[in-house]
Amino acid sequence: MAIITSTVKVGQRPPKEVIKRVKKAVREARKHPEVYDPDCPPSTPEALKEFAHLAAERNRRKKKRSVTIRIAPDVLESYKTMGDGYTGIMADVLKYAIDNPGVLTAATR
């Protein structure tokens, strides 16, 4: 199995050459039969049920909500210059500020 790594910025699409390499790796992987691994036995129905519950809980927590906020026009324009995905960048900045109380303390002086 090949490991393909590529760094893509928020809102940026992967380059065509990376997409081609990934598709080629998928085609190659499909040529080989699945191999049973005794160290990783099939999941039991109970384990699958628990996994489904955990996945649903994770998805519930990750679900984004739409809100309306007031932002100074110059700040909004600065974010919009970052291109598609600028709202995600704004969310990341807000999360960083919440996770680092010193940022909020300095900003509210």
C-alpha atoms as a PDB file:
ATOM      1  CA  MET A   1       0.000   0.000   0.000  1.00  0.00           C
ATOM      2  CA  ALA A   2       1.301   3.432  -0.899  1.00  0.00           C
ATOM      3  CA  ILE A   3       1.013   6.459   1.314  1.00  0.00           C
ATOM      4  CA  ILE A   4       0.375   9.662  -0.578  1.00  0.00           C
ATOM      5  CA  THR A   5       0.753  12.957   1.245  1.00  0.00           C
ATOM      6  CA  SER A   6      -0.054  16.423   0.018  1.00  0.00           C
ATOM      7  CA  THR A   7      -0.607  19.708   1.819  1.00  0.00           C
ATOM      8  CA  VAL A   8      -3.646  21.678   0.751  1.00  0.00           C
ATOM      9  CA  LYS A   9      -4.662  25.014   2.258  1.00  0.00           C
ATOM     10  CA  VAL A  10      -8.209  25.733   3.385  1.00  0.00           C
ATOM     11  CA  GLY A  11     -10.429  26.345   0.380  1.00  0.00           C
ATOM     12  CA  GLN A  12      -7.763  25.128  -2.054  1.00  0.00           C
ATOM     13  CA  ARG A  13      -8.338  22.139  -4.352  1.00  0.00           C
ATOM     14  CA  PRO A  14      -5.638  19.468  -4.628  1.00  0.00           C
ATOM     15  CA  PRO A  15      -3.496  19.788  -7.759  1.00  0.00           C
ATOM     16  CA  LYS A  16      -4.513  17.580 -10.713  1.00  0.00           C
ATOM     17  CA  GLU A  17      -1.267  15.601 -10.429  1.00  0.00           C
ATOM     18  CA  VAL A  18      -2.109  14.653  -6.821  1.00  0.00           C
ATOM     19  CA  ILE A  19      -5.616  13.564  -7.805  1.00  0.00           C
ATOM     20  CA  LYS A  20      -4.126  11.426 -10.607  1.00  0.00           C
ATOM     21  CA  ARG A  21      -1.676   9.775  -8.168  1.00  0.00           C
ATOM     22  CA  VAL A  22      -4.465   8.998  -5.694  1.00  0.00           C
ATOM     23  CA  LYS A  23      -6.695   7.521  -8.409  1.00  0.00           C
ATOM     24  CA  LYS A  24      -3.801   5.410  -9.698  1.00  0.00           C
ATOM     25  CA  ALA A  25      -3.099   4.119  -6.168  1.00  0.00           C
ATOM     26  CA  VAL A  26      -6.778   3.202  -5.750  1.00  0.00           C
ATOM     27  CA  ARG A  27      -6.783   1.296  -9.061  1.00  0.00           C
ATOM     28  CA  GLU A  28      -3.647  -0.598  -8.001  1.00  0.00           C
ATOM     29  CA  ALA A  29      -5.096  -1.424  -4.571  1.00  0.00           C
ATOM     30  CA  ARG A  30      -8.240  -2.863  -6.179  1.00  0.00           C
ATOM     31  CA  LYS A  31      -6.129  -5.356  -8.136  1.00  0.00           C
ATOM     32  CA  HIS A  32      -5.046  -7.118  -4.943  1.00  0.00           C
ATOM     33  CA  PRO A  33      -7.423  -9.403  -3.040  1.00  0.00           C
ATOM     34  CA  GLU A  34      -8.391  -8.628   0.531  1.00  0.00           C
ATOM     35  CA  VAL A  35      -6.249 -10.490   3.041  1.00  0.00           C
ATOM     36  CA  TYR A  36      -7.593 -11.763   6.366  1.00  0.00           C
ATOM     37  CA  ASP A  37      -5.562 -10.463   9.291  1.00  0.00           C
ATOM     38  CA  PRO A  38      -5.775 -12.724  12.363  1.00  0.00           C
ATOM     39  CA  ASP A  39      -4.685  -9.796  14.557  1.00  0.00           C
ATOM     40  CA  CYS A  40      -7.806  -7.902  13.451  1.00  0.00           C
ATOM     41  CA  PRO A  41     -10.803 -10.242  13.597  1.00  0.00           C
ATOM     42  CA  PRO A  42     -14.188  -9.212  12.178  1.00  0.00           C
ATOM     43  CA  SER A  43     -16.194  -6.872  14.395  1.00  0.00           C
ATOM     44  CA  THR A  44     -19.036  -8.303  16.436  1.00  0.00           C
ATOM     45  CA  PRO A  45     -22.563  -6.916  16.015  1.00  0.00           C
ATOM     46  CA  GLU A  46     -22.232  -5.291  19.459  1.00  0.00           C
ATOM     47  CA  ALA A  47     -18.958  -3.608  18.473  1.00  0.00           C
ATOM     48  CA  LEU A  48     -20.496  -2.346  15.213  1.00  0.00           C
ATOM     49  CA  LYS A  49     -23.475  -0.958  17.141  1.00  0.00           C
ATOM     50  CA  GLU A  50     -21.164   0.836  19.582  1.00  0.00           C
ATOM     51  CA  PHE A  51     -19.097   2.191  16.679  1.00  0.00           C
ATOM     52  CA  ALA A  52     -22.260   3.507  14.984  1.00  0.00           C
ATOM     53  CA  HIS A  53     -23.283   5.192  18.248  1.00  0.00           C
ATOM     54  CA  LEU A  54     -19.848   6.820  18.657  1.00  0.00           C
ATOM     55  CA  ALA A  55     -19.829   7.976  15.020  1.00  0.00           C
ATOM     56  CA  ALA A  56     -23.309   9.498  15.381  1.00  0.00           C
ATOM     57  CA  GLU A  57     -22.261  11.290  18.572  1.00  0.00           C
ATOM     58  CA  ARG A  58     -19.114  12.640  16.900  1.00  0.00           C
ATOM     59  CA  ASN A  59     -21.125  13.875  13.916  1.00  0.00           C
ATOM     60  CA  ARG A  60     -23.631  15.556  16.235  1.00  0.00           C
ATOM     61  CA  ARG A  61     -20.818  17.445  17.994  1.00  0.00           C
ATOM     62  CA  LYS A  62     -19.133  18.418  14.720  1.00  0.00           C
ATOM     63  CA  LYS A  63     -22.282  19.745  13.085  1.00  0.00           C
ATOM     64  CA  LYS A  64     -21.930  23.437  12.420  1.00  0.00           C
ATOM     65  CA  ARG A  65     -24.651  25.956  13.073  1.00  0.00           C
ATOM     66  CA  SER A  66     -25.439  29.086  11.174  1.00  0.00           C
ATOM     67  CA  VAL A  67     -25.350  32.336  13.154  1.00  0.00           C
ATOM     68  CA  THR A  68     -25.557  36.035  12.392  1.00  0.00           C
ATOM     69  CA  ILE A  69     -22.863  38.332  13.796  1.00  0.00           C
ATOM     70  CA  ARG A  70     -21.897  41.944  13.236  1.00  0.00           C
ATOM     71  CA  ILE A  71     -18.368  42.465  11.925  1.00  0.00           C
ATOM     72  CA  ALA A  72     -16.645  45.674  10.913  1.00  0.00           C
ATOM     73  CA  PRO A  73     -16.580  45.991   7.097  1.00  0.00           C
ATOM     74  CA  ASP A  74     -12.785  46.248   6.928  1.00  0.00           C
ATOM     75  CA  VAL A  75     -12.375  43.060   8.984  1.00  0.00           C
ATOM     76  CA  LEU A  76     -14.832  41.189   6.769  1.00  0.00           C
ATOM     77  CA  GLU A  77     -13.063  42.375   3.612  1.00  0.00           C
ATOM     78  CA  SER A  78      -9.720  41.194   5.030  1.00  0.00           C
ATOM     79  CA  TYR A  79     -11.136  37.702   5.546  1.00  0.00           C
ATOM     80  CA  LYS A  80     -12.805  37.665   2.120  1.00  0.00           C
ATOM     81  CA  THR A  81      -9.426  38.285   0.482  1.00  0.00           C
ATOM     82  CA  MET A  82      -8.430  34.831   1.753  1.00  0.00           C
ATOM     83  CA  GLY A  83     -10.776  33.304  -0.814  1.00  0.00           C
ATOM     84  CA  ASP A  84     -13.260  30.467  -0.539  1.00  0.00           C
ATOM     85  CA  GLY A  85     -13.375  29.059   2.959  1.00  0.00           C
ATOM     86  CA  TYR A  86     -12.850  32.368   4.700  1.00  0.00           C
ATOM     87  CA  THR A  87     -15.738  31.635   7.078  1.00  0.00           C
ATOM     88  CA  GLY A  88     -13.945  28.468   8.178  1.00  0.00           C
ATOM     89  CA  ILE A  89     -10.830  30.531   8.833  1.00  0.00           C
ATOM     90  CA  MET A  90     -12.907  32.935  10.928  1.00  0.00           C
ATOM     91  CA  ALA A  91     -14.266  29.979  12.914  1.00  0.00           C
ATOM     92  CA  ASP A  92     -10.716  28.693  13.465  1.00  0.00           C
ATOM     93  CA  VAL A  93      -9.605  32.112  14.746  1.00  0.00           C
ATOM     94  CA  LEU A  94     -12.552  32.233  17.150  1.00  0.00           C
ATOM     95  CA  LYS A  95     -11.801  28.716  18.389  1.00  0.00           C
ATOM     96  CA  TYR A  96      -8.136  29.628  18.910  1.00  0.00           C
ATOM     97  CA  ALA A  97      -9.175  32.653  20.969  1.00  0.00           C
ATOM     98  CA  ILE A  98     -11.467  30.511  23.137  1.00  0.00           C
ATOM     99  CA  ASP A  99      -8.757  27.866  23.625  1.00  0.00           C
ATOM    100  CA  ASN A 100      -6.169  30.524  24.568  1.00  0.00           C
ATOM    101  CA  PRO A 101      -7.622  32.812  27.265  1.00  0.00           C
ATOM    102  CA  GLY A 102      -4.614  35.128  27.068  1.00  0.00           C
ATOM    103  CA  VAL A 103      -5.732  36.191  23.601  1.00  0.00           C
ATOM    104  CA  LEU A 104      -9.137  37.230  24.911  1.00  0.00           C
ATOM    105  CA  THR A 105      -7.606  39.020  27.897  1.00  0.00           C
ATOM    106  CA  ALA A 106      -5.315  41.033  25.618  1.00  0.00           C
ATOM    107  CA  ALA A 107      -8.135  41.817  23.173  1.00  0.00           C
ATOM    108  CA  THR A 108     -10.526  43.131  25.840  1.00  0.00           C
ATOM    109  CA  ARG A 109      -8.155  45.608  27.524  1.00  0.00           C
END
